[in-house]
Amino acid sequence: MIRHNLPTHVWRKSRYSEDEQAGCVEAQLTDDGLIAIGDSKDRARGAFAFTPSAWASFVGAVRRDAFSSQGAG
C-alpha cells in the first residue's frame, strides 16, 4: 500500500548515508504501526507501507541474498 503526506520530521535514514546525500531510502513508523519506506529525493510520490512482519521477511531475504541470481532457486 502507498501512503502520502507522512510527517516529514519523523523520517529516518540509514546511518550509512551522509547528511548531504540527496537520494536516500528513509523509513518511519506510522501511527497505525506500519513501516513506511520512501525515497528522500521524491517524497511527493509517497511511501510503501508494510506490516512489521512483512518488512522483517523482506530484510531477512535480502540478508540471505535470496534475490540474487545465485541465491534464487
C-alpha atoms as a PDB file:
ATOM      1  CA  MET A   1       0.000   0.000   0.000  1.00  0.00           C
ATOM      2  CA  ILE A   2       1.149   3.555  -0.667  1.00  0.00           C
ATOM      3  CA  ARG A   3       0.973   6.305   1.936  1.00  0.00           C
ATOM      4  CA  HIS A   4       1.141  10.039   1.225  1.00  0.00           C
ATOM      5  CA  ASN A   5       1.558  13.115   3.401  1.00  0.00           C
ATOM      6  CA  LEU A   6       3.509  11.393   6.149  1.00  0.00           C
ATOM      7  CA  PRO A   7       5.118  13.722   8.689  1.00  0.00           C
ATOM      8  CA  THR A   8       8.487  14.911   7.388  1.00  0.00           C
ATOM      9  CA  HIS A   9      10.106  15.248  10.817  1.00  0.00           C
ATOM     10  CA  VAL A  10       9.683  11.514  11.534  1.00  0.00           C
ATOM     11  CA  TRP A  11      11.696  10.149   8.584  1.00  0.00           C
ATOM     12  CA  ARG A  12      14.947   8.341   9.463  1.00  0.00           C
ATOM     13  CA  LYS A  13      17.636   7.396   7.023  1.00  0.00           C
ATOM     14  CA  SER A  14      20.448   4.919   7.308  1.00  0.00           C
ATOM     15  CA  ARG A  15      23.399   5.861   9.450  1.00  0.00           C
ATOM     16  CA  TYR A  16      25.481   4.873   6.424  1.00  0.00           C
ATOM     17  CA  SER A  17      24.039   7.806   4.453  1.00  0.00           C
ATOM     18  CA  GLU A  18      25.853  11.100   4.508  1.00  0.00           C
ATOM     19  CA  ASP A  19      23.925  14.164   5.697  1.00  0.00           C
ATOM     20  CA  GLU A  20      24.229  15.940   2.355  1.00  0.00           C
ATOM     21  CA  GLN A  21      23.375  12.898   0.257  1.00  0.00           C
ATOM     22  CA  ALA A  22      20.256  13.651  -1.815  1.00  0.00           C
ATOM     23  CA  GLY A  23      18.984  10.178  -2.685  1.00  0.00           C
ATOM     24  CA  CYS A  24      18.451   8.012   0.350  1.00  0.00           C
ATOM     25  CA  VAL A  25      15.935   5.441   1.391  1.00  0.00           C
ATOM     26  CA  GLU A  26      14.113   6.609   4.500  1.00  0.00           C
ATOM     27  CA  ALA A  27      11.845   4.839   6.965  1.00  0.00           C
ATOM     28  CA  GLN A  28       9.308   5.741   9.598  1.00  0.00           C
ATOM     29  CA  LEU A  29       6.788   4.017  11.810  1.00  0.00           C
ATOM     30  CA  THR A  30       3.242   5.152  11.024  1.00  0.00           C
ATOM     31  CA  ASP A  31       0.591   5.937  13.624  1.00  0.00           C
ATOM     32  CA  ASP A  32      -1.120   2.626  12.866  1.00  0.00           C
ATOM     33  CA  GLY A  33       2.057   0.565  13.351  1.00  0.00           C
ATOM     34  CA  LEU A  34       3.162   0.073   9.743  1.00  0.00           C
ATOM     35  CA  ILE A  35       6.674   0.662   8.465  1.00  0.00           C
ATOM     36  CA  ALA A  36       6.782   3.262   5.704  1.00  0.00           C
ATOM     37  CA  ILE A  37       9.709   3.212   3.266  1.00  0.00           C
ATOM     38  CA  GLY A  38      10.267   6.182   0.978  1.00  0.00           C
ATOM     39  CA  ASP A  39      12.708   7.971  -1.286  1.00  0.00           C
ATOM     40  CA  SER A  40      14.152  11.127   0.263  1.00  0.00           C
ATOM     41  CA  LYS A  41      14.529  12.856  -3.082  1.00  0.00           C
ATOM     42  CA  ASP A  42      10.896  12.313  -4.103  1.00  0.00           C
ATOM     43  CA  ARG A  43       8.651  12.272  -1.037  1.00  0.00           C
ATOM     44  CA  ALA A  44       5.683  13.507  -3.090  1.00  0.00           C
ATOM     45  CA  ARG A  45       5.419  10.052  -4.678  1.00  0.00           C
ATOM     46  CA  GLY A  46       4.512   8.627  -1.304  1.00  0.00           C
ATOM     47  CA  ALA A  47       5.948   5.695   0.580  1.00  0.00           C
ATOM     48  CA  PHE A  48       5.335   1.980   0.590  1.00  0.00           C
ATOM     49  CA  ALA A  49       3.856   0.798   3.886  1.00  0.00           C
ATOM     50  CA  PHE A  50       4.472  -2.703   5.220  1.00  0.00           C
ATOM     51  CA  THR A  51       3.450  -4.652   8.287  1.00  0.00           C
ATOM     52  CA  PRO A  52       6.404  -5.247  10.610  1.00  0.00           C
ATOM     53  CA  SER A  53       6.352  -8.974   9.801  1.00  0.00           C
ATOM     54  CA  ALA A  54       6.359  -8.367   6.036  1.00  0.00           C
ATOM     55  CA  TRP A  55       9.257  -5.912   6.383  1.00  0.00           C
ATOM     56  CA  ALA A  56      11.196  -8.366   8.572  1.00  0.00           C
ATOM     57  CA  SER A  57      10.682 -11.109   5.958  1.00  0.00           C
ATOM     58  CA  PHE A  58      11.977  -8.821   3.210  1.00  0.00           C
ATOM     59  CA  VAL A  59      15.035  -7.745   5.205  1.00  0.00           C
ATOM     60  CA  GLY A  60      15.767 -11.387   6.069  1.00  0.00           C
ATOM     61  CA  ALA A  61      15.604 -12.348   2.394  1.00  0.00           C
ATOM     62  CA  VAL A  62      17.995  -9.525   1.497  1.00  0.00           C
ATOM     63  CA  ARG A  63      20.425 -10.670   4.179  1.00  0.00           C
ATOM     64  CA  ARG A  64      20.252 -14.238   2.840  1.00  0.00           C
ATOM     65  CA  ASP A  65      20.899 -12.897  -0.670  1.00  0.00           C
ATOM     66  CA  ALA A  66      17.663 -14.511  -1.838  1.00  0.00           C
ATOM     67  CA  PHE A  67      17.202 -12.002  -4.662  1.00  0.00           C
ATOM     68  CA  SER A  68      20.468 -12.582  -6.492  1.00  0.00           C
ATOM     69  CA  SER A  69      20.635 -14.977  -9.399  1.00  0.00           C
ATOM     70  CA  GLN A  70      22.838 -17.273  -7.298  1.00  0.00           C
ATOM     71  CA  GLY A  71      20.625 -17.056  -4.211  1.00  0.00           C
ATOM     72  CA  ALA A  72      17.380 -17.699  -6.070  1.00  0.00           C
ATOM     73  CA  GLY A  73      16.329 -21.140  -6.817  1.00  0.00           C
END
